[in-house]
Amino acid sequence: MRLAIDDDRTGAALAKVLSGLRGKGWQVGGDQLKRTPKPWLHTAETTQVVRKAWKALGPLNDWLATNA
């Protein structure tokens, strides 16, 4: 994966994917959790939240599947 990140072609593709995610409000990196977050999986909005996130992260998942 480090080679793919350092590669001019695949690294540039990753940078483009990450830039697009940042533009949509995603934070790449960030703080680490110090405790377990309050569970929200039992709420009605879970399906919509997960579906929207999975769709937004599609380009990153594709890049990782190809290069990791």
N, C-alpha and C. Protein backbone atom coordinates (compact mmCIF):
# COMPACT_ATOMS: atom_id res chain seq x y z
N MET A 1 0.83 -1.18 0.00
CA MET A 1 0.00 0.00 0.00
C MET A 1 0.88 1.26 0.00
N ARG A 2 1.99 1.23 0.72
CA ARG A 2 2.87 2.40 0.73
C ARG A 2 3.42 2.68 -0.67
N LEU A 3 3.71 1.62 -1.41
CA LEU A 3 4.19 1.82 -2.78
C LEU A 3 3.11 2.46 -3.65
N ALA A 4 1.86 2.03 -3.45
CA ALA A 4 0.76 2.60 -4.22
C ALA A 4 0.54 4.06 -3.88
N ILE A 5 0.70 4.41 -2.60
CA ILE A 5 0.55 5.81 -2.19
C ILE A 5 1.66 6.66 -2.79
N ASP A 6 2.87 6.10 -2.83
CA ASP A 6 4.04 6.85 -3.33
C ASP A 6 4.09 6.91 -4.86
N ASP A 7 3.38 6.03 -5.54
CA ASP A 7 3.38 5.98 -6.99
C ASP A 7 2.70 7.24 -7.57
N ASP A 8 3.27 7.80 -8.62
CA ASP A 8 2.72 9.03 -9.21
C ASP A 8 1.27 8.86 -9.67
N ARG A 9 0.95 7.74 -10.30
CA ARG A 9 -0.39 7.53 -10.84
C ARG A 9 -1.39 7.16 -9.75
N THR A 10 -1.10 6.10 -9.00
CA THR A 10 -2.07 5.64 -8.00
C THR A 10 -2.12 6.58 -6.79
N GLY A 11 -0.98 7.19 -6.45
CA GLY A 11 -0.98 8.16 -5.36
C GLY A 11 -1.80 9.38 -5.70
N ALA A 12 -1.70 9.81 -6.94
CA ALA A 12 -2.50 10.96 -7.39
C ALA A 12 -3.99 10.62 -7.38
N ALA A 13 -4.31 9.39 -7.75
CA ALA A 13 -5.71 8.96 -7.72
C ALA A 13 -6.24 8.96 -6.29
N LEU A 14 -5.43 8.49 -5.34
CA LEU A 14 -5.83 8.51 -3.94
C LEU A 14 -6.00 9.94 -3.44
N ALA A 15 -5.09 10.82 -3.79
CA ALA A 15 -5.20 12.22 -3.38
C ALA A 15 -6.50 12.83 -3.89
N LYS A 16 -6.88 12.49 -5.10
CA LYS A 16 -8.12 13.01 -5.68
C LYS A 16 -9.34 12.48 -4.91
N VAL A 17 -9.32 11.18 -4.58
CA VAL A 17 -10.42 10.58 -3.81
C VAL A 17 -10.53 11.26 -2.45
N LEU A 18 -9.40 11.42 -1.76
CA LEU A 18 -9.41 12.03 -0.43
C LEU A 18 -9.84 13.49 -0.48
N SER A 19 -9.42 14.20 -1.51
CA SER A 19 -9.83 15.59 -1.67
C SER A 19 -11.34 15.68 -1.85
N GLY A 20 -11.88 14.77 -2.65
CA GLY A 20 -13.33 14.75 -2.85
C GLY A 20 -14.09 14.47 -1.56
N LEU A 21 -13.56 13.54 -0.75
CA LEU A 21 -14.20 13.24 0.52
C LEU A 21 -14.12 14.44 1.47
N ARG A 22 -12.96 15.09 1.51
CA ARG A 22 -12.83 16.29 2.36
C ARG A 22 -13.82 17.36 1.92
N GLY A 23 -13.99 17.50 0.61
CA GLY A 23 -14.93 18.49 0.08
C GLY A 23 -16.37 18.20 0.47
N LYS A 24 -16.66 16.93 0.79
CA LYS A 24 -18.00 16.54 1.21
C LYS A 24 -18.13 16.54 2.73
N GLY A 25 -17.08 17.03 3.41
CA GLY A 25 -17.16 17.15 4.86
C GLY A 25 -16.54 16.00 5.64
N TRP A 26 -15.97 15.01 4.96
CA TRP A 26 -15.32 13.90 5.65
C TRP A 26 -14.00 14.38 6.23
N GLN A 27 -13.65 13.83 7.37
CA GLN A 27 -12.38 14.12 7.99
C GLN A 27 -11.47 12.91 7.79
N VAL A 28 -10.33 13.13 7.18
CA VAL A 28 -9.38 12.06 6.95
C VAL A 28 -8.35 12.12 8.06
N GLY A 29 -8.28 11.07 8.84
CA GLY A 29 -7.42 11.08 10.02
C GLY A 29 -8.28 11.38 11.22
N GLY A 30 -7.89 12.34 12.00
CA GLY A 30 -8.71 12.77 13.12
C GLY A 30 -8.29 12.16 14.43
N ASP A 31 -9.09 12.44 15.43
CA ASP A 31 -8.82 11.98 16.78
C ASP A 31 -9.15 10.51 16.95
N GLN A 32 -8.47 9.87 17.86
CA GLN A 32 -8.78 8.49 18.20
C GLN A 32 -9.79 8.49 19.35
N LEU A 33 -10.63 7.49 19.35
CA LEU A 33 -11.62 7.37 20.43
C LEU A 33 -10.94 6.95 21.71
N LYS A 34 -11.35 7.54 22.80
CA LYS A 34 -10.81 7.17 24.11
C LYS A 34 -11.79 6.30 24.87
N ARG A 35 -13.02 6.26 24.40
CA ARG A 35 -14.04 5.41 24.99
C ARG A 35 -15.00 4.98 23.89
N THR A 36 -15.78 4.01 24.18
CA THR A 36 -16.77 3.53 23.21
C THR A 36 -17.83 4.59 23.01
N PRO A 37 -18.14 4.93 21.75
CA PRO A 37 -19.20 5.93 21.53
C PRO A 37 -20.56 5.37 21.94
N LYS A 38 -21.48 6.28 22.24
CA LYS A 38 -22.83 5.84 22.60
C LYS A 38 -23.43 5.09 21.42
N PRO A 39 -24.04 3.94 21.68
CA PRO A 39 -24.62 3.16 20.57
C PRO A 39 -25.77 3.91 19.89
N TRP A 40 -25.78 3.88 18.58
CA TRP A 40 -26.87 4.49 17.84
C TRP A 40 -27.42 3.51 16.80
N LEU A 41 -26.88 2.31 16.78
CA LEU A 41 -27.29 1.33 15.77
C LEU A 41 -28.75 0.90 15.93
N HIS A 42 -29.34 1.12 17.05
CA HIS A 42 -30.72 0.73 17.27
C HIS A 42 -31.72 1.78 16.79
N THR A 43 -31.23 2.90 16.30
CA THR A 43 -32.15 3.97 15.88
C THR A 43 -32.62 3.75 14.44
N ALA A 44 -33.69 4.41 14.09
CA ALA A 44 -34.28 4.27 12.76
C ALA A 44 -33.40 4.86 11.67
N GLU A 45 -32.55 5.82 12.02
CA GLU A 45 -31.73 6.48 11.00
C GLU A 45 -30.48 5.68 10.61
N THR A 46 -30.21 4.59 11.30
CA THR A 46 -28.98 3.83 11.06
C THR A 46 -28.81 3.44 9.60
N THR A 47 -29.83 2.88 9.00
CA THR A 47 -29.73 2.42 7.61
C THR A 47 -29.37 3.56 6.68
N GLN A 48 -30.01 4.70 6.83
CA GLN A 48 -29.73 5.84 5.97
C GLN A 48 -28.31 6.37 6.18
N VAL A 49 -27.87 6.44 7.44
CA VAL A 49 -26.54 6.95 7.74
C VAL A 49 -25.47 6.04 7.14
N VAL A 50 -25.62 4.74 7.34
CA VAL A 50 -24.64 3.77 6.83
C VAL A 50 -24.66 3.75 5.31
N ARG A 51 -25.83 3.76 4.71
CA ARG A 51 -25.94 3.74 3.25
C ARG A 51 -25.27 4.98 2.63
N LYS A 52 -25.52 6.15 3.20
CA LYS A 52 -24.94 7.39 2.68
C LYS A 52 -23.42 7.38 2.83
N ALA A 53 -22.94 6.93 3.98
CA ALA A 53 -21.49 6.86 4.21
C ALA A 53 -20.83 5.85 3.27
N TRP A 54 -21.43 4.69 3.12
CA TRP A 54 -20.85 3.66 2.26
C TRP A 54 -20.77 4.16 0.81
N LYS A 55 -21.80 4.85 0.36
CA LYS A 55 -21.79 5.39 -1.00
C LYS A 55 -20.69 6.45 -1.15
N ALA A 56 -20.57 7.34 -0.17
CA ALA A 56 -19.55 8.39 -0.23
C ALA A 56 -18.15 7.81 -0.20
N LEU A 57 -17.96 6.72 0.52
CA LEU A 57 -16.64 6.11 0.65
C LEU A 57 -16.33 5.12 -0.47
N GLY A 58 -17.23 4.96 -1.43
CA GLY A 58 -17.03 4.03 -2.55
C GLY A 58 -15.71 4.24 -3.28
N PRO A 59 -15.37 5.46 -3.68
CA PRO A 59 -14.10 5.66 -4.38
C PRO A 59 -12.89 5.26 -3.54
N LEU A 60 -12.92 5.53 -2.25
CA LEU A 60 -11.81 5.13 -1.37
C LEU A 60 -11.76 3.61 -1.25
N ASN A 61 -12.91 2.96 -1.09
CA ASN A 61 -12.95 1.50 -1.04
C ASN A 61 -12.41 0.88 -2.32
N ASP A 62 -12.78 1.47 -3.47
CA ASP A 62 -12.27 0.98 -4.76
C ASP A 62 -10.75 1.11 -4.83
N TRP A 63 -10.23 2.26 -4.40
CA TRP A 63 -8.78 2.47 -4.46
C TRP A 63 -8.08 1.47 -3.55
N LEU A 64 -8.61 1.28 -2.35
CA LEU A 64 -8.00 0.32 -1.41
C LEU A 64 -8.06 -1.10 -1.95
N ALA A 65 -9.17 -1.49 -2.57
CA ALA A 65 -9.30 -2.84 -3.10
C ALA A 65 -8.28 -3.09 -4.21
N THR A 66 -7.96 -2.06 -4.97
CA THR A 66 -7.01 -2.19 -6.07
C THR A 66 -5.57 -2.10 -5.60
N ASN A 67 -5.30 -1.30 -4.59
CA ASN A 67 -3.91 -0.97 -4.25
C ASN A 67 -3.43 -1.47 -2.89
N ALA A 68 -4.28 -1.98 -2.07
CA ALA A 68 -3.83 -2.42 -0.73
C ALA A 68 -3.53 -3.90 -0.71
